[in-house]
Protein backbone atom coordinates (compact mmCIF):
# COMPACT_ATOMS: atom_id res chain seq x y z
CA MET A 1 -11.97 7.35 11.63
CA GLU A 2 -8.74 9.19 12.59
CA TYR A 3 -6.67 11.34 9.97
CA ARG A 4 -3.05 11.92 9.71
CA HIS A 5 -0.64 14.13 7.78
CA LEU A 6 1.03 12.44 4.90
CA GLY A 7 4.68 12.80 5.73
CA ASN A 8 5.33 16.42 6.51
CA SER A 9 3.02 17.51 3.75
CA GLY A 10 -0.14 19.63 4.47
CA MET A 11 -2.38 16.80 3.01
CA ILE A 12 -4.70 14.96 5.53
CA ILE A 13 -5.41 11.48 4.77
CA SER A 14 -7.29 8.78 6.61
CA GLU A 15 -5.17 6.34 8.57
CA ILE A 16 -6.86 3.54 7.18
CA ALA A 17 -6.57 3.63 3.08
CA TYR A 18 -8.73 1.41 1.05
CA GLY A 19 -6.76 -0.38 -1.78
CA ASN A 20 -8.08 -2.57 -4.64
CA TRP A 21 -5.14 -4.66 -5.52
CA LEU A 22 -6.00 -8.33 -6.39
CA THR A 23 -9.60 -7.47 -6.02
CA HIS A 24 -11.33 -4.95 -8.14
CA GLY A 25 -11.48 -6.08 -11.85
CA SER A 26 -10.21 -9.57 -10.99
CA GLN A 27 -11.32 -11.43 -8.10
CA VAL A 28 -14.30 -9.45 -6.89
CA GLU A 29 -17.48 -8.84 -9.31
CA GLU A 30 -17.98 -5.07 -10.04
CA GLU A 31 -21.18 -5.01 -7.61
CA ALA A 32 -19.27 -6.21 -4.72
CA ALA A 33 -16.38 -3.87 -5.42
CA LEU A 34 -18.72 -1.00 -5.65
CA ALA A 35 -20.34 -2.05 -2.08
CA CYS A 36 -16.76 -2.38 -0.74
CA VAL A 37 -15.85 1.16 -1.63
CA ARG A 38 -19.24 2.43 -0.18
CA ALA A 39 -18.32 0.65 3.09
CA ALA A 40 -15.10 2.40 3.04
CA LEU A 41 -16.70 5.70 2.60
CA ASP A 42 -19.55 5.05 5.29
CA ALA A 43 -16.39 4.13 7.70
CA GLY A 44 -14.92 7.55 7.10
CA ILE A 45 -12.25 6.23 4.72
CA THR A 46 -11.32 9.11 2.42
CA THR A 47 -8.12 7.69 0.87
CA PHE A 48 -8.07 5.40 -1.98
CA ASP A 49 -4.95 3.49 -3.54
CA THR A 50 -4.81 1.77 -6.75
CA ALA A 51 -2.24 1.19 -9.64
CA ASP A 52 -2.50 1.33 -13.32
CA VAL A 53 -1.32 -2.36 -13.40
CA TYR A 54 -3.84 -3.78 -11.08
CA ALA A 55 -6.20 -6.30 -12.77
CA GLU A 56 -4.43 -5.16 -16.29
CA THR A 57 -5.78 -1.62 -15.81
CA ARG A 58 -9.41 -2.29 -14.88
CA ALA A 59 -8.97 -1.72 -11.05
CA GLU A 60 -8.66 2.03 -11.95
CA SER A 61 -11.73 1.91 -14.00
CA VAL A 62 -13.67 0.07 -11.18
CA LEU A 63 -12.36 2.72 -8.69
CA GLY A 64 -13.30 5.62 -10.89
CA ARG A 65 -16.80 4.26 -11.32
CA ALA A 66 -17.17 3.63 -7.57
CA LEU A 67 -16.16 7.15 -6.54
CA LYS A 68 -18.04 8.86 -9.28
CA GLY A 69 -20.49 11.57 -7.82
CA GLU A 70 -18.33 11.92 -4.54
CA ARG A 71 -17.12 15.46 -3.71
CA ARG A 72 -13.58 15.35 -5.37
CA GLU A 73 -12.11 17.59 -2.66
CA GLY A 74 -13.17 15.33 0.06
CA ILE A 75 -11.39 12.19 -1.32
CA GLU A 76 -7.64 11.33 -1.98
CA ILE A 77 -6.82 9.29 -4.87
CA PHE A 78 -3.48 7.49 -5.22
CA THR A 79 -2.11 5.59 -8.19
CA LYS A 80 1.08 4.14 -9.48
CA VAL A 81 3.23 3.76 -12.52
CA TYR A 82 5.99 1.14 -13.54
CA TRP A 83 4.86 -2.22 -14.30
CA PRO A 84 3.79 -3.23 -17.84
CA THR A 85 0.26 -2.00 -18.94
CA GLY A 86 0.56 -3.14 -22.67
CA PRO A 87 2.59 -5.02 -25.04
CA GLY A 88 5.03 -2.22 -26.36
CA LYS A 89 8.64 -2.00 -25.19
CA ASN A 90 7.94 1.35 -23.73
CA ASP A 91 4.75 0.34 -21.93
CA ARG A 92 6.70 -0.10 -18.65
CA GLY A 93 9.17 1.46 -16.33
CA LEU A 94 10.04 5.15 -15.56
CA SER A 95 10.99 6.74 -18.73
CA ARG A 96 9.60 10.05 -19.47
CA LYS A 97 7.43 8.52 -22.33
CA HIS A 98 5.97 5.94 -20.24
CA ILE A 99 5.19 8.37 -17.37
CA MET A 100 3.59 11.05 -19.36
CA GLU A 101 1.34 8.54 -21.21
CA SER A 102 0.65 6.72 -18.15
CA ILE A 103 -0.71 9.48 -16.17
CA ASP A 104 -3.18 10.74 -19.03
CA ASN A 105 -4.46 6.90 -19.10
CA SER A 106 -4.69 6.76 -15.43
CA LEU A 107 -6.70 9.84 -15.25
CA ARG A 108 -8.95 8.82 -18.02
CA ARG A 109 -9.72 5.72 -16.09
CA LEU A 110 -10.10 6.93 -12.76
CA GLU A 111 -12.52 9.69 -14.26
CA THR A 112 -10.74 12.62 -12.61
CA SER A 113 -8.62 15.79 -13.76
CA TYR A 114 -5.86 14.83 -11.35
CA VAL A 115 -4.58 12.36 -8.61
CA ASP A 116 -3.62 13.37 -5.03
CA LEU A 117 -0.56 10.96 -5.22
CA TYR A 118 1.29 9.63 -8.06
CA GLN A 119 3.83 6.92 -7.24
CA ALA A 120 6.88 5.24 -8.58
CA HIS A 121 5.54 1.58 -8.20
CA ARG A 122 9.03 0.37 -8.13
CA PHE A 123 12.86 1.60 -8.87
CA ASP A 124 13.69 1.51 -12.63
CA ARG A 125 17.60 0.81 -12.85
CA PHE A 126 17.26 1.33 -16.82
CA THR A 127 16.14 4.81 -16.58
CA PRO A 128 18.15 7.74 -15.34
CA LEU A 129 16.73 8.98 -12.03
CA GLU A 130 17.11 12.46 -13.32
CA GLU A 131 14.80 11.75 -16.37
CA THR A 132 12.31 10.02 -13.98
CA MET A 133 12.01 12.94 -11.66
CA GLU A 134 12.00 15.45 -14.33
CA ALA A 135 8.79 13.76 -15.91
CA PHE A 136 7.30 13.42 -12.35
CA ALA A 137 7.96 17.45 -12.03
CA ASP A 138 6.17 18.06 -15.44
CA VAL A 139 3.30 15.99 -14.17
CA VAL A 140 3.04 17.94 -10.98
CA HIS A 141 3.36 21.51 -12.61
CA SER A 142 0.72 20.56 -15.05
CA GLY A 143 -1.73 19.90 -12.17
CA LYS A 144 -2.27 16.25 -12.94
CA ALA A 145 -0.84 15.07 -9.71
CA LEU A 146 -0.58 17.06 -6.49
CA TYR A 147 2.24 14.96 -4.68
CA ILE A 148 4.90 12.42 -5.65
CA GLY A 149 5.53 9.21 -3.77
CA VAL A 150 7.46 5.81 -4.37
CA SER A 151 6.80 2.12 -3.62
CA GLU A 152 9.52 -0.36 -2.41
CA TRP A 153 12.41 1.76 -2.89
CA THR A 154 15.47 1.60 -0.66
CA ALA A 155 16.49 4.04 1.63
CA ASP A 156 19.31 5.31 -0.57
CA GLN A 157 17.09 5.43 -3.66
CA ILE A 158 14.67 7.46 -1.78
CA ARG A 159 17.41 9.83 -0.51
CA ARG A 160 18.43 10.53 -4.08
CA ALA A 161 14.94 11.03 -5.20
CA HIS A 162 14.21 13.38 -2.58
CA ALA A 163 17.33 15.43 -3.30
CA LEU A 164 16.35 16.02 -6.78
CA ALA A 165 12.59 16.52 -6.08
CA ARG A 166 13.84 19.39 -3.93
CA GLU A 167 15.78 20.73 -6.88
CA LEU A 168 12.79 20.52 -8.95
CA ARG A 169 10.51 22.08 -6.39
CA ILE A 170 8.04 18.97 -6.27
CA PRO A 171 6.77 17.48 -3.17
CA LEU A 172 8.17 13.87 -2.64
CA VAL A 173 5.99 12.93 0.43
CA SER A 174 5.58 9.13 0.74
CA SER A 175 6.72 5.78 0.41
CA GLN A 176 4.42 2.68 0.12
CA PRO A 177 6.30 -0.44 1.34
CA GLN A 178 4.94 -3.85 2.69
CA TYR A 179 4.74 -3.63 6.23
CA SER A 180 3.35 -5.86 9.21
CA MET A 181 4.29 -7.63 12.49
CA LEU A 182 5.67 -10.48 10.02
CA TRP A 183 7.48 -8.29 7.48
CA ARG A 184 9.65 -5.56 9.09
CA VAL A 185 12.27 -4.90 6.67
CA ILE A 186 11.69 -1.01 6.42
CA GLU A 187 12.55 -0.79 10.15
CA GLY A 188 16.36 -0.68 9.80
CA GLU A 189 16.93 1.91 6.98
CA VAL A 190 13.79 3.10 5.28
CA VAL A 191 12.00 4.37 8.35
CA PRO A 192 14.85 6.52 9.84
CA THR A 193 15.73 7.72 6.26
CA SER A 194 12.04 8.86 5.76
CA GLN A 195 11.53 10.45 9.18
CA GLU A 196 14.76 12.56 8.64
CA LEU A 197 13.38 13.64 5.20
CA GLY A 198 9.70 14.23 5.92
CA ILE A 199 8.46 11.15 4.05
CA GLY A 200 5.54 9.10 5.39
CA GLN A 201 4.85 5.54 4.85
CA ILE A 202 1.78 4.23 3.37
CA VAL A 203 1.93 0.61 3.99
CA TRP A 204 0.48 -2.32 2.25
CA SER A 205 -0.35 -5.74 3.55
CA PRO A 206 -0.57 -4.94 7.26
CA ILE A 207 -2.37 -8.21 7.75
CA ALA A 208 0.35 -10.17 5.89
CA GLN A 209 -2.00 -11.16 2.90
CA GLY A 210 -4.60 -12.47 5.48
CA VAL A 211 -2.13 -14.61 7.47
CA LEU A 212 -2.66 -12.30 10.53
CA THR A 213 -6.35 -12.96 10.53
CA GLY A 214 -5.49 -16.36 11.99
CA LYS A 215 -7.53 -18.19 9.54
CA TYR A 216 -4.50 -20.32 8.40
CA LEU A 217 -3.79 -22.95 11.06
CA PRO A 218 -0.54 -24.85 11.65
CA GLY A 219 -0.58 -28.49 10.11
CA GLU A 220 -3.83 -27.85 7.98
CA GLN A 221 -4.59 -27.03 4.55
CA PRO A 222 -5.45 -23.56 3.64
CA PRO A 223 -9.20 -22.99 3.72
CA ALA A 224 -10.81 -23.29 0.32
CA GLY A 225 -11.19 -19.98 -1.68
CA SER A 226 -8.47 -18.24 0.39
CA ARG A 227 -5.66 -16.34 -1.12
CA ALA A 228 -3.19 -19.07 -0.53
CA THR A 229 -5.22 -21.39 -3.02
CA ASP A 230 -5.46 -18.58 -5.42
CA ASP A 231 -3.12 -18.54 -8.37
CA LYS A 232 -2.40 -14.88 -8.32
CA GLY A 233 -2.04 -14.38 -4.45
CA SER A 234 -0.39 -17.74 -3.42
CA ALA A 235 3.20 -16.81 -4.44
CA MET A 236 3.61 -13.97 -2.12
CA ILE A 237 1.63 -15.36 0.88
CA SER A 238 3.63 -18.74 0.81
CA ARG A 239 6.64 -17.14 2.80
CA PHE A 240 4.29 -16.90 5.84
CA LEU A 241 2.82 -20.27 5.77
CA SER A 242 5.39 -22.20 7.70
CA ASN A 243 4.29 -23.96 10.85
CA GLU A 244 6.48 -21.83 12.98
CA VAL A 245 5.08 -18.73 11.65
CA LEU A 246 1.37 -19.95 12.06
CA GLU A 247 1.73 -21.18 15.66
CA ALA A 248 3.29 -17.62 16.52
CA VAL A 249 0.05 -16.03 15.01
CA GLN A 250 -2.16 -18.29 16.78
CA GLN A 251 -0.28 -17.24 19.89
CA LEU A 252 -1.37 -13.45 19.38
CA LYS A 253 -5.15 -14.49 19.70
CA PRO A 254 -5.27 -14.01 23.49
CA LEU A 255 -3.38 -10.75 23.28
CA ALA A 256 -5.98 -9.63 20.60
CA ASP A 257 -8.86 -10.77 22.68
CA GLU A 258 -7.42 -8.90 25.84
CA ALA A 259 -7.51 -5.69 23.74
CA GLY A 260 -10.92 -6.26 22.62
CA LEU A 261 -9.76 -6.70 18.82
CA THR A 262 -9.79 -9.24 16.20
CA LEU A 263 -6.58 -10.40 15.22
CA ALA A 264 -6.80 -8.66 11.82
CA GLN A 265 -7.68 -5.16 13.73
CA LEU A 266 -4.65 -5.94 16.10
CA ALA A 267 -2.45 -6.45 13.00
CA VAL A 268 -3.68 -3.02 11.46
CA ALA A 269 -3.42 -1.09 14.65
CA TRP A 270 0.18 -2.49 15.35
CA VAL A 271 1.38 -0.86 12.25
CA LEU A 272 -0.10 2.45 13.03
CA GLN A 273 1.69 2.69 16.19
CA ASN A 274 4.69 3.50 13.93
CA SER A 275 4.87 7.32 14.09
CA ASN A 276 6.34 7.08 10.71
CA VAL A 277 3.18 5.38 9.12
CA SER A 278 0.83 7.81 7.66
CA ALA A 279 -1.84 5.20 6.63
CA ALA A 280 -2.29 1.29 6.50
CA ILE A 281 -3.76 0.04 3.30
CA VAL A 282 -6.62 -2.42 3.69
CA GLY A 283 -8.37 -4.44 1.02
CA ALA A 284 -11.54 -6.42 0.85
CA SER A 285 -13.63 -8.71 -0.91
CA ARG A 286 -16.88 -8.25 1.21
CA PRO A 287 -18.09 -4.86 2.71
CA GLU A 288 -18.26 -6.08 6.23
CA GLN A 289 -14.34 -6.70 6.00
CA VAL A 290 -13.94 -2.95 5.32
CA ALA A 291 -16.10 -2.15 8.43
CA GLU A 292 -14.21 -4.56 10.63
CA ASN A 293 -10.74 -3.44 9.58
CA ALA A 294 -11.51 0.21 10.02
CA LYS A 295 -12.35 -0.27 13.52
CA ALA A 296 -8.41 -0.55 13.95
CA ALA A 297 -8.42 3.34 13.55
CA GLY A 298 -7.39 5.35 16.67
CA VAL A 299 -6.59 2.21 18.66
CA ARG A 300 -3.60 2.91 21.02
CA LEU A 301 -1.52 -0.26 22.14
CA ASP A 302 0.16 0.07 25.43
CA ALA A 303 4.00 -0.62 25.64
CA ASP A 304 3.54 -3.77 27.43
CA LEU A 305 1.18 -5.30 24.82
CA MET A 306 3.80 -4.16 22.01
CA ALA A 307 6.44 -5.69 23.84
CA ARG A 308 4.43 -8.94 24.26
CA ILE A 309 3.53 -9.16 20.46
CA ASP A 310 7.39 -8.76 19.74
CA GLU A 311 8.10 -11.47 22.03
CA ILE A 312 5.87 -13.74 20.01
CA VAL A 313 6.43 -12.64 16.53
CA LEU A 314 10.14 -11.01 16.36
CA PRO A 315 11.61 -14.45 16.23
CA VAL A 316 9.83 -15.49 12.84
CA ALA A 317 9.63 -11.89 11.35
CA VAL A 318 11.56 -11.11 8.43
CA THR A 319 13.89 -7.96 9.08
CA ASP A 320 16.50 -8.18 6.57
CA PRO A 321 16.65 -4.39 5.14
CA TYR A 322 18.04 -5.78 1.89
CA LEU A 323 14.60 -7.30 1.04
CA VAL A 324 13.19 -3.81 0.67
CA HIS A 325 13.51 -3.80 -3.09
CA GLU A 326 11.51 -6.83 -4.77
CA GLY A 327 10.98 -5.31 -8.04
CA VAL A 328 11.73 -7.00 -11.34
CA PRO A 329 13.11 -4.66 -13.58
CA PRO A 330 11.40 -3.91 -16.90
CA GLN A 331 12.77 -5.72 -19.86
CA ARG A 332 14.84 -4.01 -22.22
CA PRO A 333 16.03 -4.82 -25.71
């Protein structure tokens, strides 16, 4: 495993992070989830990402049990707040009330006294940004979180939050966007802004929900049991299932073979070539998937190979910077 600083902070994280969205507490039985976390630790992964909303809060509990007994100083635990976690009108968003209640609930489920990174899961346009950042400052100053991050915020939103964070003397160090060969919307504005401000990307879905494994074939039905056939995962993956995209992915296979990598490893290694990326989040339903994806750590792709990849996938990749923000605002009366 290789390790990188998270943005310009002093905290070092594994460049492959393990995430449990759509798996722990929902698609994967607990025994398998525990085995995946053990495989991650065995591969040298020290960074674990979750969120209070995953599996209706169960994912945090599963991760907490899986990491129980590990030396707390040797791992980094990240979680998030924003999406609804209960039926109440204040069980959502980035109000002071929801943030202060949510951090305590997350810590209880994770069985830890603090998280290394507490992230705003989306931007809340119904709550003043000053209120949100002041609440985050109190979370940090109370020792319940060490660093603050955001997820799927636009460059302008990141810049405004960073200015407030400096005033409040708290470290806003990360952005967690979707990023892959096929989804490049952060490259135009978010990455340049983050580089300027010293913010690192912790990217999710580097394998494009599994499309960049090559298992989805043009003109054929998705494999049984795959994310494309799952009610929770099919909506997001559908954008990558056109024949044009799937044909481009198949053209990547000779390049992966040439590099001595699987297609999935090539995809993860590709996002890690971006110097603003601090870590790529991988998920898994089986321990062997974790071990295989972790082999992308430390891989260096030469300029010629990167150019050939672009030649194949850039014509079908999504690059519009206005698609960064996909959050559905929390309902208000």
